[in-house]
Amino acid sequence: MQAGVTVAFYGVRGSTPCSCSSHARVGGNTSCVVVTREGESPLILDVGTGLRFYGCDLAGASFDGSMLITHLHWDHIQGLPFFPPLLHPESKTRIIGPPELDQSFDEALGGILRPPYFPVTLEQLAGAVRFEDLWEASTTSDSAIITARSVPHTGRTNGYRLDWGDCSVAYIPDHQEPIDGGPIDPGVLELADGVDLLIHDAQFTPELLAKRPDWGHSTPAFAVRVAQEAGAKAVALHHHDPLHDDDTVGQMEADAARLDSSMQIFAAAEGMKISL
């Protein structure tokens, strides 16, 4: 029997980190989810501010694994230069993401992780870093098959699916909900098809979506709809809005859970670990 997969949430907030007591239970760090399987290299989904805490958990050890970045908005990358293992000379980090229309992924990321925006470049750190463009394609890491598909958002954005044969995870943290109730993007349904766990954007209440219809996000009800149409077994509501305190997220979770009693529906929170 193959070893199980563990999904650990280190950052579940969208847009900007929130350091305040009203957000402490769910957590205020931005997107970072770490997926591990015994004997295989770790896979990090987005590198928001939660990444620093995963680095602290490694307690000075080197890192040899992959980072799958959905897009280059600040809340999905701002933890990268604060990841302690990048300073370890034996670290080997593979950074995967979508190329821009006019430049490669590493050129786009390197354009903001350099002076005067940040004091050093990634190339100046002790650990080895290797970039890889991935767009409407697949790659592998150990026994995992990594599939990237375009997701409707504001700018080029990947969603990811991780398959090990006996289990699967889909990660779609930013997804523009069709405000007219239109069809779900075929690429999104492909990523989420039959997965054991769908991690999906649930940032907006219906009222907030009406005020910000083109900001690129979803409601919990739409996240459940994606899971239902794709046949996902469980859905983690993710990318919580900075406006929403713990009680608000809890109410959104409860409302979403009432929509379908046949699947597990829960709000992702920092420190939460799911075993598949």
Foldseek 3Di string as FASTA:
>chain_A
DFFWKKKAWQAFAADAFDDDPLAPWQHRWFGWIWMDTPPFAIEIEFQTQSLLVVLVVVVPDAHEHEYEFFDPDRRRHVRPVNRVNLQPLAHEYEYEYAQAPVGGPCVVVQVQCDPPNHPHGSVPHNYHYHYDHAEQAWDDTVQWIKGWYFADAPGTTTKIKIDNPVAIETEAAFHQDDPVNDDHDPRLLVRLAAHQEYEYEAADDPVVCVVVVRRGTHHLQVQVVSCVVRVYQEYEHGNYYPVAGPVRQVVSQVVSCVVDVRHHTYYHGHRDMDID
